[in-house]
Amino acid sequence: MVKVNFVSADGTLVQSVDVPVGTTMMEAAKELGLREIPADCGGSCACGTCHVYVDDVWWEKLKIKENSLEQSLLEYEKDYKEGVSRLACQIQLNDDLNNVTVKLREHELL
């Protein structure tokens, strides 16, 4: 099992979940029912609604591949932050990521 910690956008709340190795971070968020990650495309790297900010201590393990589809999609996100932004659907969890922490973005209700 891999523990994933999601920190609210304002930093006041941490929600954690344990999921099996091989689960994506987006799937972990969906298991918690996080409204900040609607994951509209279901994890196909097409919508950007699972955009999270990676905690500094985890960035090297979760560093995005340059010139990837994910990178291209993130660069169009209004809250994109270079060296911090990732799509949770593209992060497959493994034992090296146990206790990983990411910060959620503000969620705009439609």
N, C-alpha and C. Protein backbone atom coordinates (compact mmCIF):
# COMPACT_ATOMS: atom_id res chain seq x y z
N MET A 1 0.83 -1.19 0.00
CA MET A 1 0.00 0.00 0.00
C MET A 1 0.88 1.25 0.00
N VAL A 2 0.35 2.31 -0.59
CA VAL A 2 1.03 3.60 -0.67
C VAL A 2 0.11 4.64 -0.04
N LYS A 3 0.66 5.42 0.87
CA LYS A 3 -0.11 6.50 1.50
C LYS A 3 0.08 7.78 0.68
N VAL A 4 -1.04 8.45 0.37
CA VAL A 4 -1.03 9.70 -0.37
C VAL A 4 -1.71 10.76 0.50
N ASN A 5 -1.06 11.92 0.61
CA ASN A 5 -1.58 13.03 1.40
C ASN A 5 -1.95 14.18 0.48
N PHE A 6 -3.17 14.65 0.61
CA PHE A 6 -3.66 15.78 -0.17
C PHE A 6 -3.88 16.94 0.78
N VAL A 7 -3.21 18.07 0.51
CA VAL A 7 -3.32 19.27 1.34
C VAL A 7 -4.26 20.24 0.64
N SER A 8 -5.21 20.79 1.38
CA SER A 8 -6.15 21.75 0.80
C SER A 8 -5.41 22.97 0.27
N ALA A 9 -6.04 23.67 -0.65
CA ALA A 9 -5.42 24.83 -1.29
C ALA A 9 -4.98 25.88 -0.28
N ASP A 10 -5.74 26.03 0.80
CA ASP A 10 -5.36 27.03 1.81
C ASP A 10 -4.40 26.47 2.86
N GLY A 11 -4.04 25.19 2.73
CA GLY A 11 -3.06 24.58 3.62
C GLY A 11 -3.58 24.17 4.98
N THR A 12 -4.88 24.27 5.20
CA THR A 12 -5.41 24.00 6.53
C THR A 12 -5.86 22.57 6.77
N LEU A 13 -6.03 21.79 5.72
CA LEU A 13 -6.58 20.45 5.87
C LEU A 13 -5.75 19.45 5.07
N VAL A 14 -5.43 18.33 5.70
CA VAL A 14 -4.75 17.24 5.02
C VAL A 14 -5.66 16.03 5.07
N GLN A 15 -5.91 15.44 3.91
CA GLN A 15 -6.67 14.21 3.82
C GLN A 15 -5.74 13.15 3.25
N SER A 16 -5.76 11.97 3.86
CA SER A 16 -4.85 10.90 3.45
C SER A 16 -5.64 9.66 3.08
N VAL A 17 -5.04 8.87 2.20
CA VAL A 17 -5.64 7.62 1.79
C VAL A 17 -4.52 6.62 1.50
N ASP A 18 -4.76 5.35 1.80
CA ASP A 18 -3.84 4.27 1.45
C ASP A 18 -4.43 3.54 0.26
N VAL A 19 -3.62 3.39 -0.79
CA VAL A 19 -4.08 2.73 -2.01
C VAL A 19 -3.03 1.71 -2.45
N PRO A 20 -3.44 0.72 -3.24
CA PRO A 20 -2.48 -0.27 -3.72
C PRO A 20 -1.44 0.33 -4.67
N VAL A 21 -0.25 -0.23 -4.67
CA VAL A 21 0.79 0.12 -5.64
C VAL A 21 0.19 -0.03 -7.04
N GLY A 22 0.50 0.90 -7.93
CA GLY A 22 -0.02 0.86 -9.29
C GLY A 22 -1.23 1.76 -9.50
N THR A 23 -1.85 2.20 -8.42
CA THR A 23 -2.97 3.14 -8.49
C THR A 23 -2.42 4.50 -8.91
N THR A 24 -3.20 5.28 -9.64
CA THR A 24 -2.75 6.63 -9.95
C THR A 24 -3.16 7.56 -8.82
N MET A 25 -2.48 8.68 -8.75
CA MET A 25 -2.81 9.67 -7.73
C MET A 25 -4.24 10.19 -7.94
N MET A 26 -4.67 10.29 -9.18
CA MET A 26 -6.03 10.71 -9.48
C MET A 26 -7.04 9.72 -8.90
N GLU A 27 -6.77 8.43 -9.06
CA GLU A 27 -7.66 7.40 -8.52
C GLU A 27 -7.71 7.48 -7.00
N ALA A 28 -6.57 7.78 -6.38
CA ALA A 28 -6.52 7.94 -4.92
C ALA A 28 -7.40 9.12 -4.49
N ALA A 29 -7.33 10.22 -5.25
CA ALA A 29 -8.15 11.39 -4.95
C ALA A 29 -9.64 11.07 -5.11
N LYS A 30 -9.98 10.32 -6.13
CA LYS A 30 -11.37 9.94 -6.36
C LYS A 30 -11.87 9.05 -5.23
N GLU A 31 -11.00 8.20 -4.70
CA GLU A 31 -11.39 7.34 -3.59
C GLU A 31 -11.78 8.18 -2.37
N LEU A 32 -11.10 9.30 -2.18
CA LEU A 32 -11.43 10.22 -1.09
C LEU A 32 -12.63 11.12 -1.42
N GLY A 33 -13.01 11.15 -2.69
CA GLY A 33 -14.11 12.01 -3.10
C GLY A 33 -13.76 13.49 -3.09
N LEU A 34 -12.51 13.81 -3.40
CA LEU A 34 -12.06 15.20 -3.37
C LEU A 34 -12.71 16.00 -4.49
N ARG A 35 -13.46 17.04 -4.12
CA ARG A 35 -14.14 17.86 -5.14
C ARG A 35 -13.15 18.66 -5.97
N GLU A 36 -11.94 18.87 -5.45
CA GLU A 36 -10.92 19.63 -6.18
C GLU A 36 -10.35 18.86 -7.37
N ILE A 37 -10.63 17.57 -7.43
CA ILE A 37 -10.14 16.75 -8.53
C ILE A 37 -11.32 16.02 -9.16
N PRO A 38 -12.06 16.72 -10.04
CA PRO A 38 -13.20 16.07 -10.67
C PRO A 38 -12.79 15.02 -11.71
N ALA A 39 -11.58 15.14 -12.26
CA ALA A 39 -11.05 14.15 -13.22
C ALA A 39 -12.06 13.89 -14.34
N ASP A 40 -12.46 14.93 -15.00
CA ASP A 40 -13.50 14.85 -16.02
C ASP A 40 -13.20 13.87 -17.15
N CYS A 41 -11.93 13.71 -17.53
CA CYS A 41 -11.61 12.82 -18.65
C CYS A 41 -11.33 11.39 -18.19
N GLY A 42 -11.42 11.14 -16.91
CA GLY A 42 -11.23 9.78 -16.40
C GLY A 42 -9.80 9.29 -16.39
N GLY A 43 -8.86 10.19 -16.54
CA GLY A 43 -7.46 9.80 -16.45
C GLY A 43 -6.75 9.64 -17.78
N SER A 44 -7.31 10.22 -18.83
CA SER A 44 -6.69 10.07 -20.15
C SER A 44 -5.80 11.25 -20.55
N CYS A 45 -5.45 12.09 -19.60
CA CYS A 45 -4.55 13.23 -19.85
C CYS A 45 -5.11 14.15 -20.92
N ALA A 46 -6.40 14.48 -20.76
CA ALA A 46 -7.05 15.29 -21.77
C ALA A 46 -7.75 16.54 -21.24
N CYS A 47 -7.87 16.68 -19.92
CA CYS A 47 -8.69 17.80 -19.44
C CYS A 47 -7.99 18.72 -18.44
N GLY A 48 -7.04 18.24 -17.69
CA GLY A 48 -6.34 19.07 -16.72
C GLY A 48 -7.07 19.27 -15.41
N THR A 49 -8.20 18.60 -15.20
CA THR A 49 -8.96 18.81 -13.96
C THR A 49 -8.38 18.06 -12.76
N CYS A 50 -7.29 17.35 -12.96
CA CYS A 50 -6.63 16.67 -11.83
C CYS A 50 -5.28 17.33 -11.53
N HIS A 51 -5.14 18.57 -11.93
CA HIS A 51 -3.93 19.36 -11.73
C HIS A 51 -3.66 19.52 -10.23
N VAL A 52 -2.46 19.13 -9.80
CA VAL A 52 -2.04 19.28 -8.40
C VAL A 52 -0.66 19.93 -8.37
N TYR A 53 -0.27 20.37 -7.17
CA TYR A 53 1.06 20.93 -6.96
C TYR A 53 1.86 19.95 -6.11
N VAL A 54 3.01 19.57 -6.62
CA VAL A 54 3.87 18.60 -5.95
C VAL A 54 4.71 19.29 -4.89
N ASP A 55 4.69 18.74 -3.69
CA ASP A 55 5.51 19.24 -2.59
C ASP A 55 6.99 19.15 -2.98
N ASP A 56 7.77 20.16 -2.61
CA ASP A 56 9.18 20.25 -3.00
C ASP A 56 9.98 18.98 -2.74
N VAL A 57 9.77 18.35 -1.61
CA VAL A 57 10.58 17.17 -1.26
C VAL A 57 10.30 15.98 -2.17
N TRP A 58 9.20 16.02 -2.92
CA TRP A 58 8.85 14.92 -3.82
C TRP A 58 9.11 15.23 -5.29
N TRP A 59 9.48 16.47 -5.61
CA TRP A 59 9.56 16.87 -7.02
C TRP A 59 10.50 16.00 -7.84
N GLU A 60 11.69 15.68 -7.35
CA GLU A 60 12.64 14.88 -8.14
C GLU A 60 12.07 13.51 -8.50
N LYS A 61 11.33 12.91 -7.58
CA LYS A 61 10.73 11.60 -7.86
C LYS A 61 9.55 11.72 -8.80
N LEU A 62 8.92 12.87 -8.84
CA LEU A 62 7.72 13.07 -9.65
C LEU A 62 7.93 14.04 -10.80
N LYS A 63 9.16 14.36 -11.09
CA LYS A 63 9.50 15.33 -12.13
C LYS A 63 8.82 14.95 -13.45
N ILE A 64 8.23 15.94 -14.07
CA ILE A 64 7.52 15.74 -15.34
C ILE A 64 8.52 15.56 -16.48
N LYS A 65 8.14 14.74 -17.45
CA LYS A 65 8.98 14.55 -18.63
C LYS A 65 8.80 15.74 -19.56
N GLU A 66 9.92 16.32 -19.99
CA GLU A 66 9.85 17.46 -20.90
C GLU A 66 9.23 17.05 -22.23
N ASN A 67 8.53 18.00 -22.85
CA ASN A 67 7.90 17.81 -24.15
C ASN A 67 6.86 16.69 -24.15
N SER A 68 6.25 16.42 -23.02
CA SER A 68 5.23 15.39 -22.94
C SER A 68 3.85 15.99 -23.19
N LEU A 69 2.88 15.13 -23.45
CA LEU A 69 1.50 15.57 -23.60
C LEU A 69 1.04 16.25 -22.31
N GLU A 70 1.42 15.67 -21.18
CA GLU A 70 1.06 16.27 -19.89
C GLU A 70 1.62 17.69 -19.77
N GLN A 71 2.87 17.88 -20.12
CA GLN A 71 3.50 19.20 -20.04
C GLN A 71 2.75 20.19 -20.92
N SER A 72 2.41 19.77 -22.12
CA SER A 72 1.69 20.65 -23.05
C SER A 72 0.34 21.06 -22.48
N LEU A 73 -0.37 20.13 -21.91
CA LEU A 73 -1.68 20.42 -21.33
C LEU A 73 -1.56 21.35 -20.13
N LEU A 74 -0.59 21.08 -19.26
CA LEU A 74 -0.41 21.90 -18.06
C LEU A 74 -0.07 23.35 -18.39
N GLU A 75 0.70 23.57 -19.43
CA GLU A 75 1.11 24.92 -19.77
C GLU A 75 -0.06 25.82 -20.15
N TYR A 76 -1.21 25.22 -20.48
CA TYR A 76 -2.41 25.99 -20.79
C TYR A 76 -3.29 26.22 -19.56
N GLU A 77 -2.94 25.60 -18.46
CA GLU A 77 -3.70 25.78 -17.22
C GLU A 77 -3.41 27.16 -16.63
N LYS A 78 -4.44 27.85 -16.17
CA LYS A 78 -4.23 29.21 -15.66
C LYS A 78 -3.39 29.22 -14.38
N ASP A 79 -3.41 28.15 -13.61
CA ASP A 79 -2.66 28.08 -12.36
C ASP A 79 -1.38 27.27 -12.48
N TYR A 80 -0.89 27.11 -13.70
CA TYR A 80 0.33 26.32 -13.93
C TYR A 80 1.53 26.96 -13.22
N LYS A 81 2.31 26.11 -12.55
CA LYS A 81 3.54 26.56 -11.91
C LYS A 81 4.66 25.61 -12.32
N GLU A 82 5.61 26.15 -13.05
CA GLU A 82 6.73 25.34 -13.52
C GLU A 82 7.48 24.75 -12.32
N GLY A 83 7.83 23.48 -12.41
CA GLY A 83 8.56 22.82 -11.34
C GLY A 83 7.72 22.41 -10.16
N VAL A 84 6.39 22.56 -10.29
CA VAL A 84 5.49 22.22 -9.19
C VAL A 84 4.25 21.48 -9.72
N SER A 85 3.73 21.90 -10.86
CA SER A 85 2.48 21.37 -11.40
C SER A 85 2.64 19.98 -12.00
N ARG A 86 1.66 19.13 -11.71
CA ARG A 86 1.56 17.80 -12.33
C ARG A 86 0.09 17.46 -12.49
N LEU A 87 -0.20 16.52 -13.36
CA LEU A 87 -1.54 15.96 -13.47
C LEU A 87 -1.55 14.67 -12.67
N ALA A 88 -2.47 14.56 -11.74
CA ALA A 88 -2.53 13.40 -10.86
C ALA A 88 -2.79 12.10 -11.63
N CYS A 89 -3.44 12.21 -12.78
CA CYS A 89 -3.72 11.00 -13.57
C CYS A 89 -2.46 10.41 -14.17
N GLN A 90 -1.39 11.18 -14.23
CA GLN A 90 -0.15 10.72 -14.83
C GLN A 90 0.88 10.26 -13.80
N ILE A 91 0.50 10.25 -12.54
CA ILE A 91 1.40 9.81 -11.47
C ILE A 91 0.96 8.44 -10.99
N GLN A 92 1.71 7.43 -11.40
CA GLN A 92 1.43 6.07 -10.94
C GLN A 92 2.20 5.84 -9.65
N LEU A 93 1.49 5.44 -8.63
CA LEU A 93 2.08 5.31 -7.30
C LEU A 93 2.84 4.00 -7.14
N ASN A 94 4.01 4.11 -6.48
CA ASN A 94 4.83 2.94 -6.20
C ASN A 94 5.39 3.09 -4.79
N ASP A 95 6.11 2.08 -4.33
CA ASP A 95 6.64 2.09 -2.96
C ASP A 95 7.52 3.29 -2.67
N ASP A 96 8.24 3.80 -3.68
CA ASP A 96 9.11 4.97 -3.48
C ASP A 96 8.32 6.24 -3.18
N LEU A 97 7.03 6.21 -3.45
CA LEU A 97 6.18 7.39 -3.25
C LEU A 97 5.32 7.29 -1.99
N ASN A 98 5.61 6.30 -1.15
CA ASN A 98 4.82 6.15 0.07
C ASN A 98 4.91 7.43 0.92
N ASN A 99 3.77 7.94 1.32
CA ASN A 99 3.62 9.16 2.13
C ASN A 99 3.81 10.45 1.31
N VAL A 100 3.67 10.36 0.00
CA VAL A 100 3.79 11.52 -0.87
C VAL A 100 2.73 12.56 -0.51
N THR A 101 3.12 13.82 -0.65
CA THR A 101 2.21 14.93 -0.34
C THR A 101 2.09 15.85 -1.55
N VAL A 102 0.86 16.18 -1.90
CA VAL A 102 0.60 17.16 -2.96
C VAL A 102 -0.43 18.16 -2.45
N LYS A 103 -0.40 19.35 -3.04
CA LYS A 103 -1.35 20.40 -2.66
C LYS A 103 -2.41 20.52 -3.74
N LEU A 104 -3.64 20.64 -3.32
CA LEU A 104 -4.76 20.80 -4.24
C LEU A 104 -4.90 22.26 -4.67
N ARG A 105 -5.44 22.47 -5.85
CA ARG A 105 -5.73 23.83 -6.32
C ARG A 105 -7.10 24.26 -5.81
N GLU A 106 -7.33 25.56 -5.84
CA GLU A 106 -8.67 26.07 -5.55
C GLU A 106 -9.61 25.48 -6.58
N HIS A 107 -10.75 25.06 -6.15
CA HIS A 107 -11.75 24.49 -7.07
C HIS A 107 -12.86 25.50 -7.29
N GLU A 108 -13.08 25.82 -8.54
CA GLU A 108 -14.16 26.77 -8.87
C GLU A 108 -15.44 25.99 -9.12
N LEU A 109 -16.44 26.27 -8.35
CA LEU A 109 -17.74 25.61 -8.55
C LEU A 109 -18.45 26.24 -9.73
N LEU A 110 -19.00 25.40 -10.56
CA LEU A 110 -19.71 25.91 -11.74
C LEU A 110 -21.16 26.14 -11.40
